[in-house]
Amino acid sequence: MVRKLTPKQQKRQQESEIIDEYHKLITEEALEPLYQSFLEWKSGSLPYFELTELIHQFHKKNQEIYKDFSYTEHKELLLLAKMKLGRLTEEDIIDNKWLLKRWGYEDRT
């Protein structure tokens, strides 16, 4: 028997999906330059010691991403994810105008 989610559970699941999508986006953005560096290393245009330094720098960046997702309040993280993914609702904008402005968001409606 399939258990139906309550509206509160559905909302929480949707929020988690948005946060997961945002996490994937910023992690992949951080990984892309490293990937390009691996290609340069493989082609012989980047020395291995430079690649290892870039790996180390990515690791530090990834630790920062981890901290942001582990220690930021859920509501704030969700709002940031919605802003970065272009999914803010009118209610989000109205209720969080000061914070969004602090983050550099400009309402273009």
N, C-alpha and C. Protein backbone atom coordinates (compact mmCIF):
# COMPACT_ATOMS: atom_id res chain seq x y z
N MET A 1 0.83 -1.19 0.00
CA MET A 1 0.00 0.00 0.00
C MET A 1 0.88 1.25 0.00
N VAL A 2 0.58 2.15 -0.91
CA VAL A 2 1.34 3.39 -1.04
C VAL A 2 0.80 4.40 -0.03
N ARG A 3 1.72 4.93 0.77
CA ARG A 3 1.34 5.92 1.78
C ARG A 3 1.35 7.31 1.17
N LYS A 4 0.26 8.02 1.34
CA LYS A 4 0.18 9.38 0.82
C LYS A 4 0.83 10.35 1.79
N LEU A 5 1.50 11.32 1.23
CA LEU A 5 2.13 12.34 2.05
C LEU A 5 1.10 13.39 2.45
N THR A 6 1.26 13.90 3.65
CA THR A 6 0.41 15.00 4.08
C THR A 6 0.85 16.26 3.33
N PRO A 7 0.01 17.28 3.28
CA PRO A 7 0.43 18.52 2.63
C PRO A 7 1.73 19.09 3.21
N LYS A 8 1.91 18.98 4.51
CA LYS A 8 3.13 19.46 5.15
C LYS A 8 4.34 18.64 4.68
N GLN A 9 4.17 17.34 4.57
CA GLN A 9 5.25 16.47 4.10
C GLN A 9 5.56 16.75 2.63
N GLN A 10 4.52 16.99 1.83
CA GLN A 10 4.73 17.31 0.42
C GLN A 10 5.52 18.61 0.28
N LYS A 11 5.15 19.61 1.09
CA LYS A 11 5.85 20.89 1.05
C LYS A 11 7.32 20.70 1.43
N ARG A 12 7.57 19.95 2.47
CA ARG A 12 8.94 19.70 2.93
C ARG A 12 9.74 18.95 1.85
N GLN A 13 9.09 18.00 1.18
CA GLN A 13 9.76 17.26 0.12
C GLN A 13 10.11 18.19 -1.05
N GLN A 14 9.19 19.06 -1.43
CA GLN A 14 9.45 20.02 -2.50
C GLN A 14 10.60 20.95 -2.13
N GLU A 15 10.61 21.40 -0.87
CA GLU A 15 11.69 22.26 -0.41
C GLU A 15 13.03 21.54 -0.47
N SER A 16 13.05 20.29 -0.06
CA SER A 16 14.28 19.50 -0.10
C SER A 16 14.77 19.33 -1.53
N GLU A 17 13.85 19.13 -2.46
CA GLU A 17 14.22 18.98 -3.86
C GLU A 17 14.85 20.26 -4.41
N ILE A 18 14.30 21.42 -4.01
CA ILE A 18 14.85 22.70 -4.44
C ILE A 18 16.26 22.88 -3.88
N ILE A 19 16.43 22.59 -2.61
CA ILE A 19 17.74 22.72 -1.98
C ILE A 19 18.74 21.75 -2.61
N ASP A 20 18.31 20.52 -2.88
CA ASP A 20 19.18 19.54 -3.53
C ASP A 20 19.60 20.01 -4.92
N GLU A 21 18.68 20.59 -5.65
CA GLU A 21 18.99 21.09 -6.99
C GLU A 21 20.00 22.24 -6.92
N TYR A 22 19.82 23.12 -5.95
CA TYR A 22 20.75 24.23 -5.75
C TYR A 22 22.13 23.70 -5.35
N HIS A 23 22.17 22.72 -4.46
CA HIS A 23 23.43 22.13 -4.03
C HIS A 23 24.18 21.54 -5.24
N LYS A 24 23.45 20.83 -6.08
CA LYS A 24 24.04 20.26 -7.28
C LYS A 24 24.59 21.36 -8.19
N LEU A 25 23.83 22.42 -8.36
CA LEU A 25 24.24 23.54 -9.23
C LEU A 25 25.55 24.16 -8.74
N ILE A 26 25.62 24.51 -7.47
CA ILE A 26 26.83 25.20 -7.03
C ILE A 26 28.03 24.25 -6.95
N THR A 27 27.78 23.00 -6.65
CA THR A 27 28.88 22.04 -6.63
C THR A 27 29.41 21.82 -8.04
N GLU A 28 28.52 21.68 -9.00
CA GLU A 28 28.97 21.50 -10.38
C GLU A 28 29.68 22.74 -10.91
N GLU A 29 29.23 23.93 -10.50
CA GLU A 29 29.91 25.16 -10.90
C GLU A 29 31.34 25.18 -10.35
N ALA A 30 31.51 24.68 -9.13
CA ALA A 30 32.85 24.62 -8.53
C ALA A 30 33.70 23.52 -9.17
N LEU A 31 33.07 22.45 -9.60
CA LEU A 31 33.80 21.33 -10.22
C LEU A 31 34.24 21.60 -11.65
N GLU A 32 33.50 22.39 -12.37
CA GLU A 32 33.77 22.60 -13.80
C GLU A 32 35.20 23.08 -14.07
N PRO A 33 35.70 24.10 -13.37
CA PRO A 33 37.09 24.50 -13.63
C PRO A 33 38.09 23.38 -13.31
N LEU A 34 37.80 22.61 -12.28
CA LEU A 34 38.69 21.50 -11.95
C LEU A 34 38.68 20.45 -13.06
N TYR A 35 37.50 20.18 -13.59
CA TYR A 35 37.38 19.24 -14.70
C TYR A 35 38.23 19.72 -15.89
N GLN A 36 38.11 21.02 -16.20
CA GLN A 36 38.91 21.56 -17.31
C GLN A 36 40.39 21.41 -17.03
N SER A 37 40.77 21.58 -15.77
CA SER A 37 42.18 21.41 -15.39
C SER A 37 42.64 19.96 -15.59
N PHE A 38 41.76 19.02 -15.29
CA PHE A 38 42.10 17.61 -15.54
C PHE A 38 42.33 17.38 -17.03
N LEU A 39 41.50 18.00 -17.87
CA LEU A 39 41.68 17.85 -19.31
C LEU A 39 43.02 18.45 -19.75
N GLU A 40 43.35 19.61 -19.19
CA GLU A 40 44.64 20.24 -19.52
C GLU A 40 45.80 19.36 -19.06
N TRP A 41 45.67 18.77 -17.87
CA TRP A 41 46.72 17.88 -17.36
C TRP A 41 46.86 16.66 -18.28
N LYS A 42 45.73 16.09 -18.65
CA LYS A 42 45.76 14.88 -19.49
C LYS A 42 46.40 15.18 -20.85
N SER A 43 46.17 16.39 -21.36
CA SER A 43 46.74 16.74 -22.67
C SER A 43 48.22 17.16 -22.55
N GLY A 44 48.69 17.30 -21.33
CA GLY A 44 50.10 17.64 -21.13
C GLY A 44 50.36 19.13 -20.98
N SER A 45 49.31 19.95 -21.00
CA SER A 45 49.53 21.40 -20.90
C SER A 45 49.47 21.94 -19.46
N LEU A 46 49.19 21.07 -18.51
CA LEU A 46 49.17 21.48 -17.11
C LEU A 46 50.00 20.49 -16.30
N PRO A 47 51.02 20.96 -15.61
CA PRO A 47 51.85 20.05 -14.80
C PRO A 47 51.04 19.43 -13.66
N TYR A 48 51.41 18.22 -13.29
CA TYR A 48 50.67 17.51 -12.25
C TYR A 48 50.65 18.27 -10.94
N PHE A 49 51.76 18.95 -10.59
CA PHE A 49 51.80 19.65 -9.31
C PHE A 49 50.82 20.83 -9.28
N GLU A 50 50.57 21.44 -10.42
CA GLU A 50 49.55 22.49 -10.48
C GLU A 50 48.15 21.89 -10.34
N LEU A 51 47.95 20.74 -10.96
CA LEU A 51 46.65 20.06 -10.84
C LEU A 51 46.39 19.68 -9.38
N THR A 52 47.40 19.16 -8.70
CA THR A 52 47.18 18.77 -7.30
C THR A 52 46.85 19.98 -6.44
N GLU A 53 47.43 21.11 -6.74
CA GLU A 53 47.09 22.34 -6.01
C GLU A 53 45.64 22.75 -6.30
N LEU A 54 45.21 22.62 -7.53
CA LEU A 54 43.82 22.94 -7.89
C LEU A 54 42.85 21.97 -7.23
N ILE A 55 43.23 20.72 -7.10
CA ILE A 55 42.40 19.74 -6.39
C ILE A 55 42.25 20.17 -4.93
N HIS A 56 43.35 20.59 -4.34
CA HIS A 56 43.33 21.05 -2.96
C HIS A 56 42.42 22.28 -2.81
N GLN A 57 42.51 23.21 -3.73
CA GLN A 57 41.66 24.41 -3.69
C GLN A 57 40.18 24.03 -3.83
N PHE A 58 39.89 23.08 -4.72
CA PHE A 58 38.50 22.63 -4.85
C PHE A 58 38.03 22.00 -3.55
N HIS A 59 38.87 21.19 -2.94
CA HIS A 59 38.49 20.54 -1.69
C HIS A 59 38.11 21.57 -0.63
N LYS A 60 38.88 22.64 -0.53
CA LYS A 60 38.55 23.70 0.43
C LYS A 60 37.22 24.37 0.07
N LYS A 61 37.00 24.60 -1.21
CA LYS A 61 35.73 25.19 -1.67
C LYS A 61 34.57 24.25 -1.35
N ASN A 62 34.77 22.97 -1.57
CA ASN A 62 33.73 21.99 -1.30
C ASN A 62 33.40 21.93 0.19
N GLN A 63 34.41 22.10 1.03
CA GLN A 63 34.17 22.15 2.47
C GLN A 63 33.30 23.35 2.83
N GLU A 64 33.53 24.48 2.17
CA GLU A 64 32.71 25.67 2.41
C GLU A 64 31.26 25.42 1.97
N ILE A 65 31.10 24.78 0.84
CA ILE A 65 29.75 24.43 0.37
C ILE A 65 29.07 23.53 1.39
N TYR A 66 29.79 22.53 1.87
CA TYR A 66 29.25 21.62 2.88
C TYR A 66 28.80 22.39 4.12
N LYS A 67 29.65 23.29 4.60
CA LYS A 67 29.30 24.07 5.79
C LYS A 67 28.05 24.91 5.54
N ASP A 68 27.99 25.54 4.37
CA ASP A 68 26.82 26.37 4.05
C ASP A 68 25.54 25.55 4.10
N PHE A 69 25.60 24.34 3.58
CA PHE A 69 24.40 23.51 3.53
C PHE A 69 24.11 22.82 4.86
N SER A 70 25.11 22.65 5.67
CA SER A 70 24.92 21.95 6.94
C SER A 70 24.53 22.89 8.08
N TYR A 71 24.99 24.14 8.01
CA TYR A 71 24.81 25.02 9.15
C TYR A 71 23.94 26.24 8.90
N THR A 72 23.46 26.42 7.69
CA THR A 72 22.56 27.53 7.39
C THR A 72 21.14 27.12 7.74
N GLU A 73 20.40 28.04 8.33
CA GLU A 73 19.01 27.77 8.69
C GLU A 73 18.23 27.36 7.44
N HIS A 74 17.37 26.36 7.60
CA HIS A 74 16.61 25.79 6.48
C HIS A 74 15.86 26.87 5.69
N LYS A 75 15.17 27.73 6.38
CA LYS A 75 14.35 28.75 5.71
C LYS A 75 15.23 29.68 4.87
N GLU A 76 16.36 30.08 5.42
CA GLU A 76 17.26 30.97 4.70
C GLU A 76 17.89 30.26 3.50
N LEU A 77 18.29 29.01 3.69
CA LEU A 77 18.88 28.23 2.60
C LEU A 77 17.87 28.03 1.47
N LEU A 78 16.64 27.74 1.82
CA LEU A 78 15.59 27.57 0.83
C LEU A 78 15.37 28.86 0.03
N LEU A 79 15.35 29.99 0.73
CA LEU A 79 15.16 31.27 0.07
C LEU A 79 16.31 31.55 -0.89
N LEU A 80 17.53 31.31 -0.45
CA LEU A 80 18.70 31.52 -1.31
C LEU A 80 18.64 30.60 -2.53
N ALA A 81 18.28 29.34 -2.31
CA ALA A 81 18.16 28.39 -3.42
C ALA A 81 17.11 28.87 -4.43
N LYS A 82 15.97 29.29 -3.93
CA LYS A 82 14.91 29.78 -4.84
C LYS A 82 15.39 31.00 -5.62
N MET A 83 16.11 31.89 -4.94
CA MET A 83 16.61 33.09 -5.62
C MET A 83 17.59 32.70 -6.72
N LYS A 84 18.55 31.84 -6.39
CA LYS A 84 19.58 31.45 -7.37
C LYS A 84 19.02 30.63 -8.52
N LEU A 85 17.94 29.89 -8.25
CA LEU A 85 17.32 29.07 -9.30
C LEU A 85 16.21 29.81 -10.05
N GLY A 86 15.94 31.05 -9.65
CA GLY A 86 14.89 31.84 -10.31
C GLY A 86 13.49 31.35 -9.99
N ARG A 87 13.28 30.89 -8.76
CA ARG A 87 11.99 30.33 -8.39
C ARG A 87 11.32 31.06 -7.23
N LEU A 88 11.70 32.29 -7.00
CA LEU A 88 11.05 33.03 -5.92
C LEU A 88 9.59 33.29 -6.27
N THR A 89 8.74 33.14 -5.26
CA THR A 89 7.34 33.48 -5.44
C THR A 89 7.14 34.93 -5.02
N GLU A 90 6.00 35.47 -5.37
CA GLU A 90 5.68 36.83 -4.96
C GLU A 90 5.68 36.93 -3.43
N GLU A 91 5.18 35.88 -2.80
CA GLU A 91 5.15 35.84 -1.33
C GLU A 91 6.57 35.83 -0.75
N ASP A 92 7.47 35.07 -1.37
CA ASP A 92 8.87 35.05 -0.94
C ASP A 92 9.47 36.46 -0.99
N ILE A 93 9.20 37.15 -2.07
CA ILE A 93 9.76 38.49 -2.29
C ILE A 93 9.21 39.47 -1.27
N ILE A 94 7.92 39.43 -1.06
CA ILE A 94 7.28 40.35 -0.11
C ILE A 94 7.76 40.08 1.32
N ASP A 95 7.77 38.81 1.71
CA ASP A 95 8.10 38.44 3.09
C ASP A 95 9.59 38.61 3.42
N ASN A 96 10.44 38.65 2.40
CA ASN A 96 11.89 38.65 2.65
C ASN A 96 12.61 39.76 1.90
N LYS A 97 11.92 40.85 1.66
CA LYS A 97 12.46 41.94 0.84
C LYS A 97 13.82 42.42 1.34
N TRP A 98 13.95 42.64 2.63
CA TRP A 98 15.21 43.18 3.18
C TRP A 98 16.37 42.21 2.99
N LEU A 99 16.13 40.92 3.20
CA LEU A 99 17.19 39.93 3.06
C LEU A 99 17.57 39.76 1.59
N LEU A 100 16.58 39.71 0.74
CA LEU A 100 16.86 39.57 -0.69
C LEU A 100 17.65 40.77 -1.20
N LYS A 101 17.30 41.95 -0.72
CA LYS A 101 18.03 43.15 -1.13
C LYS A 101 19.48 43.06 -0.65
N ARG A 102 19.69 42.58 0.56
CA ARG A 102 21.05 42.41 1.09
C ARG A 102 21.85 41.44 0.23
N TRP A 103 21.20 40.44 -0.33
CA TRP A 103 21.86 39.45 -1.19
C TRP A 103 22.03 39.95 -2.63
N GLY A 104 21.52 41.15 -2.92
CA GLY A 104 21.68 41.70 -4.25
C GLY A 104 20.56 41.40 -5.23
N TYR A 105 19.45 40.88 -4.69
CA TYR A 105 18.31 40.55 -5.56
C TYR A 105 17.57 41.83 -5.94
N GLU A 106 17.23 41.93 -7.22
CA GLU A 106 16.43 43.04 -7.70
C GLU A 106 15.15 42.49 -8.28
N ASP A 107 14.04 42.93 -7.73
CA ASP A 107 12.72 42.49 -8.22
C ASP A 107 12.45 43.19 -9.54
N ARG A 108 12.30 42.42 -10.59
CA ARG A 108 12.08 42.99 -11.92
C ARG A 108 10.63 42.87 -12.38
N THR A 109 9.72 42.65 -11.41
CA THR A 109 8.31 42.55 -11.80
C THR A 109 7.64 43.88 -11.78
